[in-house]
C-alpha cells in the first residue's frame, strides 16, 4: 500500500503559517486572509481557517487573535470556542463591539 505524501512545500508553508500566527502580539488581531498572505499562502484564507480549526484544544498558539476580513469574530457566540475567543481578546485589552473589532486600531501588522 502506498503512503499519501504531503508535498514539502505544503509542510514548509504550514510551518511558516504557525510561526506567523505565533508572532501576533497580545492585544492585536489579524484576519484569516492577512495571516495567509504573511505566511506566503497568497489568497489562502479558507485554508488558514481550516488549519486553525485543526489545532488541539490545549494549543499555546494565539488562534483567538484571528478574525474575519471585516474584524468580526467568526465563531458562534454560543459556542465554547467563541466565548473563549471573546474572553481572551477582552483580557488582552481588545475592544469588541457587537462581536466586531476595529481593525484600524487593533489590526496587525500595522
PDB file of N, CA and C in Angstrom:
ATOM      1  N   UNK A   1       0.848  -1.171   0.000  1.00  0.00           N
ATOM      2  CA  UNK A   1       0.000   0.000   0.000  1.00  0.00           C
ATOM      3  C   UNK A   1       0.896   1.238   0.000  1.00  0.00           C
ATOM      4  N   UNK A   2       0.609   2.168  -0.864  1.00  0.00           N
ATOM      5  CA  UNK A   2       1.440   3.368  -0.939  1.00  0.00           C
ATOM      6  C   UNK A   2       0.918   4.436   0.014  1.00  0.00           C
ATOM      7  N   UNK A   3       1.866   5.159   0.613  1.00  0.00           N
ATOM      8  CA  UNK A   3       1.502   6.248   1.511  1.00  0.00           C
ATOM      9  C   UNK A   3       1.236   7.508   0.713  1.00  0.00           C
ATOM     10  N   UNK A   4       0.272   8.245   1.153  1.00  0.00           N
ATOM     11  CA  UNK A   4      -0.005   9.523   0.510  1.00  0.00           C
ATOM     12  C   UNK A   4       1.010  10.525   1.051  1.00  0.00           C
ATOM     13  N   UNK A   5       1.765  11.136   0.164  1.00  0.00           N
ATOM     14  CA  UNK A   5       2.799  12.078   0.585  1.00  0.00           C
ATOM     15  C   UNK A   5       2.274  13.505   0.522  1.00  0.00           C
ATOM     16  N   UNK A   6       2.592  14.251   1.554  1.00  0.00           N
ATOM     17  CA  UNK A   6       2.263  15.670   1.569  1.00  0.00           C
ATOM     18  C   UNK A   6       3.441  16.398   0.941  1.00  0.00           C
ATOM     19  N   UNK A   7       3.189  17.225  -0.054  1.00  0.00           N
ATOM     20  CA  UNK A   7       4.296  17.939  -0.686  1.00  0.00           C
ATOM     21  C   UNK A   7       5.086  18.759   0.327  1.00  0.00           C
ATOM     22  N   UNK A   8       6.413  18.792   0.154  1.00  0.00           N
ATOM     23  CA  UNK A   8       7.275  19.536   1.071  1.00  0.00           C
ATOM     24  C   UNK A   8       6.898  21.008   1.137  1.00  0.00           C
ATOM     25  N   UNK A   9       6.496  21.571   0.027  1.00  0.00           N
ATOM     26  CA  UNK A   9       6.116  22.982   0.006  1.00  0.00           C
ATOM     27  C   UNK A   9       4.967  23.225   0.976  1.00  0.00           C
ATOM     28  N   UNK A  10       3.987  22.331   0.987  1.00  0.00           N
ATOM     29  CA  UNK A  10       2.843  22.496   1.881  1.00  0.00           C
ATOM     30  C   UNK A  10       3.288  22.393   3.342  1.00  0.00           C
ATOM     31  N   UNK A  11       4.195  21.459   3.649  1.00  0.00           N
ATOM     32  CA  UNK A  11       4.700  21.342   5.012  1.00  0.00           C
ATOM     33  C   UNK A  11       5.443  22.606   5.407  1.00  0.00           C
ATOM     34  N   UNK A  12       6.280  23.110   4.503  1.00  0.00           N
ATOM     35  CA  UNK A  12       7.029  24.328   4.792  1.00  0.00           C
ATOM     36  C   UNK A  12       6.071  25.494   5.001  1.00  0.00           C
ATOM     37  N   UNK A  13       5.043  25.570   4.175  1.00  0.00           N
ATOM     38  CA  UNK A  13       4.065  26.647   4.304  1.00  0.00           C
ATOM     39  C   UNK A  13       3.342  26.556   5.640  1.00  0.00           C
ATOM     40  N   UNK A  14       2.989  25.363   6.045  1.00  0.00           N
ATOM     41  CA  UNK A  14       2.285  25.200   7.317  1.00  0.00           C
ATOM     42  C   UNK A  14       3.183  25.619   8.479  1.00  0.00           C
ATOM     43  N   UNK A  15       4.452  25.280   8.403  1.00  0.00           N
ATOM     44  CA  UNK A  15       5.390  25.676   9.456  1.00  0.00           C
ATOM     45  C   UNK A  15       5.502  27.203   9.528  1.00  0.00           C
ATOM     46  N   UNK A  16       5.619  27.842   8.376  1.00  0.00           N
ATOM     47  CA  UNK A  16       5.675  29.310   8.333  1.00  0.00           C
ATOM     48  C   UNK A  16       4.364  29.889   8.867  1.00  0.00           C
ATOM     49  N   UNK A  17       3.251  29.278   8.508  1.00  0.00           N
ATOM     50  CA  UNK A  17       1.936  29.713   8.984  1.00  0.00           C
ATOM     51  C   UNK A  17       1.900  29.736  10.511  1.00  0.00           C
ATOM     52  N   UNK A  18       2.367  28.657  11.147  1.00  0.00           N
ATOM     53  CA  UNK A  18       2.363  28.595  12.617  1.00  0.00           C
ATOM     54  C   UNK A  18       3.283  29.662  13.200  1.00  0.00           C
ATOM     55  N   UNK A  19       4.420  29.913  12.548  1.00  0.00           N
ATOM     56  CA  UNK A  19       5.352  30.937  13.033  1.00  0.00           C
ATOM     57  C   UNK A  19       4.722  32.328  12.962  1.00  0.00           C
ATOM     58  N   UNK A  20       4.047  32.617  11.862  1.00  0.00           N
ATOM     59  CA  UNK A  20       3.383  33.920  11.724  1.00  0.00           C
ATOM     60  C   UNK A  20       2.276  34.045  12.770  1.00  0.00           C
ATOM     61  N   UNK A  21       1.488  33.009  12.947  1.00  0.00           N
ATOM     62  CA  UNK A  21       0.430  33.026  13.956  1.00  0.00           C
ATOM     63  C   UNK A  21       1.018  33.312  15.337  1.00  0.00           C
ATOM     64  N   UNK A  22       2.111  32.650  15.664  1.00  0.00           N
ATOM     65  CA  UNK A  22       2.749  32.823  16.973  1.00  0.00           C
ATOM     66  C   UNK A  22       3.274  34.241  17.174  1.00  0.00           C
ATOM     67  N   UNK A  23       3.526  34.957  16.094  1.00  0.00           N
ATOM     68  CA  UNK A  23       4.108  36.298  16.204  1.00  0.00           C
ATOM     69  C   UNK A  23       3.072  37.416  16.365  1.00  0.00           C
ATOM     70  N   UNK A  24       1.789  37.090  16.317  1.00  0.00           N
ATOM     71  CA  UNK A  24       0.757  38.119  16.527  1.00  0.00           C
ATOM     72  C   UNK A  24       0.810  38.519  18.006  1.00  0.00           C
ATOM     73  N   UNK A  25       1.099  39.785  18.287  1.00  0.00           N
ATOM     74  CA  UNK A  25       1.262  40.188  19.690  1.00  0.00           C
ATOM     75  C   UNK A  25      -0.068  40.272  20.448  1.00  0.00           C
ATOM     76  N   UNK A  26      -0.011  40.119  21.761  1.00  0.00           N
ATOM     77  CA  UNK A  26      -1.214  40.279  22.578  1.00  0.00           C
ATOM     78  C   UNK A  26      -1.824  41.662  22.350  1.00  0.00           C
ATOM     79  N   UNK A  27      -3.145  41.711  22.333  1.00  0.00           N
ATOM     80  CA  UNK A  27      -3.838  42.972  22.138  1.00  0.00           C
ATOM     81  C   UNK A  27      -3.964  43.396  20.688  1.00  0.00           C
ATOM     82  N   UNK A  28      -3.542  42.533  19.773  1.00  0.00           N
ATOM     83  CA  UNK A  28      -3.636  42.814  18.336  1.00  0.00           C
ATOM     84  C   UNK A  28      -4.346  41.647  17.664  1.00  0.00           C
ATOM     85  N   UNK A  29      -4.928  41.904  16.507  1.00  0.00           N
ATOM     86  CA  UNK A  29      -5.638  40.870  15.757  1.00  0.00           C
ATOM     87  C   UNK A  29      -5.266  40.962  14.285  1.00  0.00           C
ATOM     88  N   UNK A  30      -5.532  39.901  13.556  1.00  0.00           N
ATOM     89  CA  UNK A  30      -5.354  39.894  12.112  1.00  0.00           C
ATOM     90  C   UNK A  30      -6.487  39.083  11.501  1.00  0.00           C
ATOM     91  N   UNK A  31      -6.593  39.135  10.194  1.00  0.00           N
ATOM     92  CA  UNK A  31      -7.639  38.369   9.509  1.00  0.00           C
ATOM     93  C   UNK A  31      -7.066  37.058   8.988  1.00  0.00           C
ATOM     94  N   UNK A  32      -7.955  36.137   8.668  1.00  0.00           N
ATOM     95  CA  UNK A  32      -7.529  34.871   8.075  1.00  0.00           C
ATOM     96  C   UNK A  32      -6.732  35.137   6.802  1.00  0.00           C
ATOM     97  N   UNK A  33      -7.217  36.050   5.979  1.00  0.00           N
ATOM     98  CA  UNK A  33      -6.559  36.364   4.716  1.00  0.00           C
ATOM     99  C   UNK A  33      -5.195  36.995   4.907  1.00  0.00           C
ATOM    100  N   UNK A  34      -5.086  37.920   5.857  1.00  0.00           N
ATOM    101  CA  UNK A  34      -3.801  38.567   6.125  1.00  0.00           C
ATOM    102  C   UNK A  34      -2.805  37.553   6.671  1.00  0.00           C
ATOM    103  N   UNK A  35      -3.261  36.676   7.543  1.00  0.00           N
ATOM    104  CA  UNK A  35      -2.399  35.633   8.087  1.00  0.00           C
ATOM    105  C   UNK A  35      -1.879  34.742   6.967  1.00  0.00           C
ATOM    106  N   UNK A  36      -2.763  34.339   6.076  1.00  0.00           N
ATOM    107  CA  UNK A  36      -2.367  33.503   4.938  1.00  0.00           C
ATOM    108  C   UNK A  36      -1.365  34.234   4.050  1.00  0.00           C
ATOM    109  N   UNK A  37      -1.625  35.491   3.777  1.00  0.00           N
ATOM    110  CA  UNK A  37      -0.728  36.285   2.925  1.00  0.00           C
ATOM    111  C   UNK A  37       0.661  36.397   3.546  1.00  0.00           C
ATOM    112  N   UNK A  38       0.722  36.693   4.837  1.00  0.00           N
ATOM    113  CA  UNK A  38       2.008  36.821   5.525  1.00  0.00           C
ATOM    114  C   UNK A  38       2.772  35.503   5.565  1.00  0.00           C
ATOM    115  N   UNK A  39       2.038  34.391   5.529  1.00  0.00           N
ATOM    116  CA  UNK A  39       2.668  33.066   5.541  1.00  0.00           C
ATOM    117  C   UNK A  39       3.035  32.597   4.140  1.00  0.00           C
ATOM    118  N   UNK A  40       2.803  33.447   3.136  1.00  0.00           N
ATOM    119  CA  UNK A  40       3.160  33.092   1.764  1.00  0.00           C
ATOM    120  C   UNK A  40       2.162  32.180   1.089  1.00  0.00           C
ATOM    121  N   UNK A  41       0.920  32.190   1.561  1.00  0.00           N
ATOM    122  CA  UNK A  41      -0.114  31.320   1.018  1.00  0.00           C
ATOM    123  C   UNK A  41      -1.007  32.031   0.013  1.00  0.00           C
ATOM    124  N   UNK A  42      -0.663  33.258  -0.330  1.00  0.00           N
ATOM    125  CA  UNK A  42      -1.497  34.005  -1.268  1.00  0.00           C
ATOM    126  C   UNK A  42      -2.876  34.247  -0.699  1.00  0.00           C
ATOM    127  N   UNK A  43      -3.875  33.846  -1.456  1.00  0.00           N
ATOM    128  CA  UNK A  43      -5.264  34.048  -1.033  1.00  0.00           C
ATOM    129  C   UNK A  43      -5.798  32.798  -0.329  1.00  0.00           C
ATOM    130  N   UNK A  44      -5.110  32.365   0.693  1.00  0.00           N
ATOM    131  CA  UNK A  44      -5.450  31.120   1.369  1.00  0.00           C
ATOM    132  C   UNK A  44      -6.236  31.284   2.649  1.00  0.00           C
ATOM    133  N   UNK A  45      -7.158  32.243   2.697  1.00  0.00           N
ATOM    134  CA  UNK A  45      -7.921  32.496   3.925  1.00  0.00           C
ATOM    135  C   UNK A  45      -8.700  31.268   4.389  1.00  0.00           C
ATOM    136  N   UNK A  46      -9.314  30.565   3.461  1.00  0.00           N
ATOM    137  CA  UNK A  46     -10.102  29.380   3.856  1.00  0.00           C
ATOM    138  C   UNK A  46      -9.206  28.274   4.392  1.00  0.00           C
ATOM    139  N   UNK A  47      -8.050  28.100   3.758  1.00  0.00           N
ATOM    140  CA  UNK A  47      -7.103  27.100   4.250  1.00  0.00           C
ATOM    141  C   UNK A  47      -6.596  27.504   5.629  1.00  0.00           C
ATOM    142  N   UNK A  48      -6.350  28.787   5.829  1.00  0.00           N
ATOM    143  CA  UNK A  48      -5.920  29.273   7.145  1.00  0.00           C
ATOM    144  C   UNK A  48      -6.973  28.922   8.195  1.00  0.00           C
ATOM    145  N   UNK A  49      -8.230  29.138   7.874  1.00  0.00           N
ATOM    146  CA  UNK A  49      -9.309  28.792   8.795  1.00  0.00           C
ATOM    147  C   UNK A  49      -9.366  27.306   9.091  1.00  0.00           C
ATOM    148  N   UNK A  50      -9.141  26.510   8.066  1.00  0.00           N
ATOM    149  CA  UNK A  50      -9.145  25.057   8.244  1.00  0.00           C
ATOM    150  C   UNK A  50      -8.010  24.638   9.178  1.00  0.00           C
ATOM    151  N   UNK A  51      -6.816  25.183   8.931  1.00  0.00           N
ATOM    152  CA  UNK A  51      -5.670  24.824   9.774  1.00  0.00           C
ATOM    153  C   UNK A  51      -5.883  25.269  11.220  1.00  0.00           C
ATOM    154  N   UNK A  52      -6.445  26.451  11.416  1.00  0.00           N
ATOM    155  CA  UNK A  52      -6.726  26.908  12.780  1.00  0.00           C
ATOM    156  C   UNK A  52      -7.730  25.981  13.460  1.00  0.00           C
ATOM    157  N   UNK A  53      -8.695  25.510  12.711  1.00  0.00           N
ATOM    158  CA  UNK A  53      -9.692  24.594  13.250  1.00  0.00           C
ATOM    159  C   UNK A  53      -9.134  23.235  13.632  1.00  0.00           C
ATOM    160  N   UNK A  54      -7.957  22.909  13.123  1.00  0.00           N
ATOM    161  CA  UNK A  54      -7.328  21.626  13.424  1.00  0.00           C
ATOM    162  C   UNK A  54      -6.388  21.688  14.626  1.00  0.00           C
ATOM    163  N   UNK A  55      -6.226  22.872  15.200  1.00  0.00           N
ATOM    164  CA  UNK A  55      -5.346  22.997  16.362  1.00  0.00           C
ATOM    165  C   UNK A  55      -5.910  22.210  17.540  1.00  0.00           C
ATOM    166  N   UNK A  56      -5.037  21.598  18.342  1.00  0.00           N
ATOM    167  CA  UNK A  56      -5.529  20.903  19.534  1.00  0.00           C
ATOM    168  C   UNK A  56      -6.081  21.911  20.545  1.00  0.00           C
ATOM    169  N   UNK A  57      -6.997  21.465  21.363  1.00  0.00           N
ATOM    170  CA  UNK A  57      -7.659  22.348  22.330  1.00  0.00           C
ATOM    171  C   UNK A  57      -6.673  23.009  23.291  1.00  0.00           C
ATOM    172  N   UNK A  58      -5.577  22.340  23.587  1.00  0.00           N
ATOM    173  CA  UNK A  58      -4.618  22.874  24.561  1.00  0.00           C
ATOM    174  C   UNK A  58      -3.458  23.643  23.918  1.00  0.00           C
ATOM    175  N   UNK A  59      -3.627  24.088  22.681  1.00  0.00           N
ATOM    176  CA  UNK A  59      -2.549  24.785  21.985  1.00  0.00           C
ATOM    177  C   UNK A  59      -2.168  26.088  22.688  1.00  0.00           C
ATOM    178  N   UNK A  60      -0.906  26.439  22.582  1.00  0.00           N
ATOM    179  CA  UNK A  60      -0.411  27.712  23.109  1.00  0.00           C
ATOM    180  C   UNK A  60      -0.471  28.804  22.041  1.00  0.00           C
ATOM    181  N   UNK A  61      -0.736  28.424  20.794  1.00  0.00           N
ATOM    182  CA  UNK A  61      -0.770  29.397  19.703  1.00  0.00           C
ATOM    183  C   UNK A  61      -1.984  30.323  19.852  1.00  0.00           C
ATOM    184  N   UNK A  62      -1.831  31.606  19.517  1.00  0.00           N
ATOM    185  CA  UNK A  62      -2.907  32.584  19.727  1.00  0.00           C
ATOM    186  C   UNK A  62      -3.977  32.582  18.635  1.00  0.00           C
ATOM    187  N   UNK A  63      -4.663  31.478  18.476  1.00  0.00           N
ATOM    188  CA  UNK A  63      -5.711  31.327  17.470  1.00  0.00           C
ATOM    189  C   UNK A  63      -6.812  32.369  17.635  1.00  0.00           C
ATOM    190  N   UNK A  64      -7.015  32.808  18.868  1.00  0.00           N
ATOM    191  CA  UNK A  64      -8.103  33.744  19.176  1.00  0.00           C
ATOM    192  C   UNK A  64      -7.876  35.129  18.580  1.00  0.00           C
ATOM    193  N   UNK A  65      -6.676  35.407  18.110  1.00  0.00           N
ATOM    194  CA  UNK A  65      -6.353  36.720  17.532  1.00  0.00           C
ATOM    195  C   UNK A  65      -6.639  36.795  16.038  1.00  0.00           C
ATOM    196  N   UNK A  66      -7.266  35.779  15.480  1.00  0.00           N
ATOM    197  CA  UNK A  66      -7.568  35.755  14.042  1.00  0.00           C
ATOM    198  C   UNK A  66      -9.079  35.915  13.848  1.00  0.00           C
ATOM    199  N   UNK A  67      -9.435  36.929  13.053  1.00  0.00           N
ATOM    200  CA  UNK A  67     -10.836  37.281  12.816  1.00  0.00           C
ATOM    201  C   UNK A  67     -11.133  37.242  11.325  1.00  0.00           C
ATOM    202  N   UNK A  68     -12.373  37.477  10.961  1.00  0.00           N
ATOM    203  CA  UNK A  68     -12.682  37.519   9.530  1.00  0.00           C
ATOM    204  C   UNK A  68     -12.235  38.860   8.939  1.00  0.00           C
ATOM    205  N   UNK A  69     -12.434  39.032   7.659  1.00  0.00           N
ATOM    206  CA  UNK A  69     -11.876  40.186   6.943  1.00  0.00           C
ATOM    207  C   UNK A  69     -12.436  41.538   7.379  1.00  0.00           C
ATOM    208  N   UNK A  70     -13.591  41.555   8.010  1.00  0.00           N
ATOM    209  CA  UNK A  70     -14.163  42.823   8.474  1.00  0.00           C
ATOM    210  C   UNK A  70     -13.980  43.015   9.982  1.00  0.00           C
ATOM    211  N   UNK A  71     -13.156  42.167  10.595  1.00  0.00           N
ATOM    212  CA  UNK A  71     -12.870  42.297  12.014  1.00  0.00           C
ATOM    213  C   UNK A  71     -13.900  41.684  12.931  1.00  0.00           C
ATOM    214  N   UNK A  72     -14.711  40.795  12.395  1.00  0.00           N
ATOM    215  CA  UNK A  72     -15.762  40.163  13.185  1.00  0.00           C
ATOM    216  C   UNK A  72     -15.294  38.809  13.705  1.00  0.00           C
ATOM    217  N   UNK A  73     -15.695  38.480  14.927  1.00  0.00           N
ATOM    218  CA  UNK A  73     -15.415  37.164  15.476  1.00  0.00           C
ATOM    219  C   UNK A  73     -16.266  36.165  14.709  1.00  0.00           C
ATOM    220  N   UNK A  74     -15.620  35.200  14.073  1.00  0.00           N
ATOM    221  CA  UNK A  74     -16.335  34.265  13.200  1.00  0.00           C
ATOM    222  C   UNK A  74     -16.997  33.119  13.953  1.00  0.00           C
ATOM    223  N   UNK A  75     -16.448  32.775  15.098  1.00  0.00           N
ATOM    224  CA  UNK A  75     -17.005  31.660  15.859  1.00  0.00           C
ATOM    225  C   UNK A  75     -18.319  32.080  16.512  1.00  0.00           C
ATOM    226  N   UNK A  76     -19.237  31.164  16.605  1.00  0.00           N
ATOM    227  CA  UNK A  76     -20.542  31.445  17.195  1.00  0.00           C
ATOM    228  C   UNK A  76     -20.394  31.925  18.638  1.00  0.00           C
ATOM    229  N   UNK A  77     -21.142  32.952  18.991  1.00  0.00           N
ATOM    230  CA  UNK A  77     -21.110  33.485  20.354  1.00  0.00           C
ATOM    231  C   UNK A  77     -21.592  32.460  21.368  1.00  0.00           C
ATOM    232  N   UNK A  78     -22.368  31.479  20.914  1.00  0.00           N
ATOM    233  CA  UNK A  78     -22.909  30.451  21.804  1.00  0.00           C
ATOM    234  C   UNK A  78     -21.967  29.273  22.007  1.00  0.00           C
ATOM    235  N   UNK A  79     -20.932  29.176  21.184  1.00  0.00           N
ATOM    236  CA  UNK A  79     -20.019  28.034  21.287  1.00  0.00           C
ATOM    237  C   UNK A  79     -18.956  28.292  22.353  1.00  0.00           C
ATOM    238  N   UNK A  80     -18.446  27.232  22.974  1.00  0.00           N
ATOM    239  CA  UNK A  80     -17.368  27.402  23.955  1.00  0.00           C
ATOM    240  C   UNK A  80     -16.147  28.111  23.352  1.00  0.00           C
ATOM    241  N   UNK A  81     -15.793  27.768  22.119  1.00  0.00           N
ATOM    242  CA  UNK A  81     -14.639  28.410  21.471  1.00  0.00           C
ATOM    243  C   UNK A  81     -14.910  29.884  21.204  1.00  0.00           C
ATOM    244  N   UNK A  82     -16.128  30.202  20.787  1.00  0.00           N
ATOM    245  CA  UNK A  82     -16.498  31.594  20.543  1.00  0.00           C
ATOM    246  C   UNK A  82     -16.450  32.424  21.817  1.00  0.00           C
ATOM    247  N   UNK A  83     -16.921  31.848  22.911  1.00  0.00           N
ATOM    248  CA  UNK A  83     -16.879  32.531  24.199  1.00  0.00           C
ATOM    249  C   UNK A  83     -15.441  32.701  24.677  1.00  0.00           C
ATOM    250  N   UNK A  84     -14.624  31.653  24.459  1.00  0.00           N
ATOM    251  CA  UNK A  84     -13.218  31.731  24.859  1.00  0.00           C
ATOM    252  C   UNK A  84     -12.486  32.804  24.058  1.00  0.00           C
ATOM    253  N   UNK A  85     -12.743  32.876  22.754  1.00  0.00           N
ATOM    254  CA  UNK A  85     -12.109  33.887  21.915  1.00  0.00           C
ATOM    255  C   UNK A  85     -12.464  35.290  22.420  1.00  0.00           C
ATOM    256  N   UNK A  86     -13.729  35.508  22.672  1.00  0.00           N
ATOM    257  CA  UNK A  86     -14.199  36.805  23.167  1.00  0.00           C
ATOM    258  C   UNK A  86     -13.507  37.167  24.484  1.00  0.00           C
ATOM    259  N   UNK A  87     -13.490  36.233  25.419  1.00  0.00           N
ATOM    260  CA  UNK A  87     -12.901  36.487  26.735  1.00  0.00           C
ATOM    261  C   UNK A  87     -11.400  36.744  26.647  1.00  0.00           C
ATOM    262  N   UNK A  88     -10.696  35.968  25.821  1.00  0.00           N
ATOM    263  CA  UNK A  88      -9.248  36.161  25.679  1.00  0.00           C
ATOM    264  C   UNK A  88      -8.922  37.527  25.080  1.00  0.00           C
ATOM    265  N   UNK A  89      -9.652  37.909  24.048  1.00  0.00           N
ATOM    266  CA  UNK A  89      -9.392  39.206  23.419  1.00  0.00           C
ATOM    267  C   UNK A  89      -9.681  40.347  24.392  1.00  0.00           C
ATOM    268  N   UNK A  90     -10.781  40.270  25.112  1.00  0.00           N
ATOM    269  CA  UNK A  90     -11.114  41.307  26.093  1.00  0.00           C
ATOM    270  C   UNK A  90     -10.027  41.392  27.171  1.00  0.00           C
ATOM    271  N   UNK A  91      -9.531  40.244  27.623  1.00  0.00           N
ATOM    272  CA  UNK A  91      -8.479  40.214  28.641  1.00  0.00           C
ATOM    273  C   UNK A  91      -7.187  40.860  28.140  1.00  0.00           C
ATOM    274  N   UNK A  92      -6.981  40.844  26.823  1.00  0.00           N
ATOM    275  CA  UNK A  92      -5.787  41.455  26.231  1.00  0.00           C
ATOM    276  C   UNK A  92      -6.001  42.936  25.926  1.00  0.00           C
ATOM    277  N   UNK A  93      -7.182  43.455  26.234  1.00  0.00           N
ATOM    278  CA  UNK A  93      -7.449  44.870  26.019  1.00  0.00           C
ATOM    279  C   UNK A  93      -8.042  45.214  24.672  1.00  0.00           C
ATOM    280  N   UNK A  94      -8.431  44.197  23.901  1.00  0.00           N
ATOM    281  CA  UNK A  94      -9.059  44.439  22.602  1.00  0.00           C
ATOM    282  C   UNK A  94     -10.523  44.810  22.848  1.00  0.00           C
ATOM    283  N   UNK A  95     -10.944  45.925  22.279  1.00  0.00           N
ATOM    284  CA  UNK A  95     -12.325  46.383  22.441  1.00  0.00           C
ATOM    285  C   UNK A  95     -13.192  45.728  21.368  1.00  0.00           C
ATOM    286  N   UNK A  96     -14.271  45.088  21.820  1.00  0.00           N
ATOM    287  CA  UNK A  96     -15.181  44.380  20.918  1.00  0.00           C
ATOM    288  C   UNK A  96     -16.569  44.994  21.051  1.00  0.00           C
ATOM    289  N   UNK A  97     -17.107  45.454  19.935  1.00  0.00           N
ATOM    290  CA  UNK A  97     -18.471  45.997  19.891  1.00  0.00           C
ATOM    291  C   UNK A  97     -19.281  45.187  18.898  1.00  0.00           C
ATOM    292  N   UNK A  98     -20.376  44.590  19.369  1.00  0.00           N
ATOM    293  CA  UNK A  98     -21.222  43.755  18.505  1.00  0.00           C
ATOM    294  C   UNK A  98     -20.404  42.680  17.792  1.00  0.00           C
ATOM    295  N   UNK A  99     -19.499  42.064  18.537  1.00  0.00           N
ATOM    296  CA  UNK A  99     -18.627  40.978  18.049  1.00  0.00           C
ATOM    297  C   UNK A  99     -17.704  41.440  16.924  1.00  0.00           C
ATOM    298  N   UNK A 100     -17.417  42.730  16.890  1.00  0.00           N
ATOM    299  CA  UNK A 100     -16.540  43.309  15.879  1.00  0.00           C
ATOM    300  C   UNK A 100     -15.403  44.079  16.544  1.00  0.00           C
ATOM    301  N   UNK A 101     -14.234  44.028  15.909  1.00  0.00           N
ATOM    302  CA  UNK A 101     -13.040  44.720  16.391  1.00  0.00           C
ATOM    303  C   UNK A 101     -12.641  45.757  15.345  1.00  0.00           C
ATOM    304  N   UNK A 102     -12.230  46.922  15.792  1.00  0.00           N
ATOM    305  CA  UNK A 102     -11.744  47.966  14.891  1.00  0.00           C
ATOM    306  C   UNK A 102     -10.366  47.550  14.378  1.00  0.00           C
ATOM    307  N   UNK A 103     -10.311  47.094  13.129  1.00  0.00           N
ATOM    308  CA  UNK A 103      -9.058  46.594  12.553  1.00  0.00           C
ATOM    309  C   UNK A 103      -8.035  47.716  12.364  1.00  0.00           C
ATOM    310  N   UNK A 104      -8.492  48.948  12.213  1.00  0.00           N
ATOM    311  CA  UNK A 104      -7.540  50.063  12.080  1.00  0.00           C
ATOM    312  C   UNK A 104      -6.812  50.288  13.396  1.00  0.00           C
ATOM    313  N   UNK A 105      -7.498  50.074  14.482  1.00  0.00           N
ATOM    314  CA  UNK A 105      -6.904  50.304  15.803  1.00  0.00           C
ATOM    315  C   UNK A 105      -6.138  49.084  16.322  1.00  0.00           C
ATOM    316  N   UNK A 106      -6.695  47.896  16.136  1.00  0.00           N
ATOM    317  CA  UNK A 106      -6.112  46.695  16.728  1.00  0.00           C
ATOM    318  C   UNK A 106      -5.484  45.747  15.710  1.00  0.00           C
ATOM    319  N   UNK A 107      -5.599  46.082  14.424  1.00  0.00           N
ATOM    320  CA  UNK A 107      -5.086  45.198  13.382  1.00  0.00           C
ATOM    321  C   UNK A 107      -3.570  45.069  13.380  1.00  0.00           C
ATOM    322  N   UNK A 108      -3.110  43.903  13.006  1.00  0.00           N
ATOM    323  CA  UNK A 108      -1.685  43.595  12.904  1.00  0.00           C
ATOM    324  C   UNK A 108      -1.444  42.903  11.581  1.00  0.00           C
ATOM    325  N   UNK A 109      -0.347  43.143  10.904  1.00  0.00           N
ATOM    326  CA  UNK A 109       0.623  44.192  11.231  1.00  0.00           C
ATOM    327  C   UNK A 109       0.056  45.557  10.870  1.00  0.00           C
ATOM    328  N   UNK A 110       0.719  46.585  11.375  1.00  0.00           N
ATOM    329  CA  UNK A 110       0.273  47.970  11.137  1.00  0.00           C
ATOM    330  C   UNK A 110       0.208  48.289   9.669  1.00  0.00           C
TER     331      UNK A 110
END
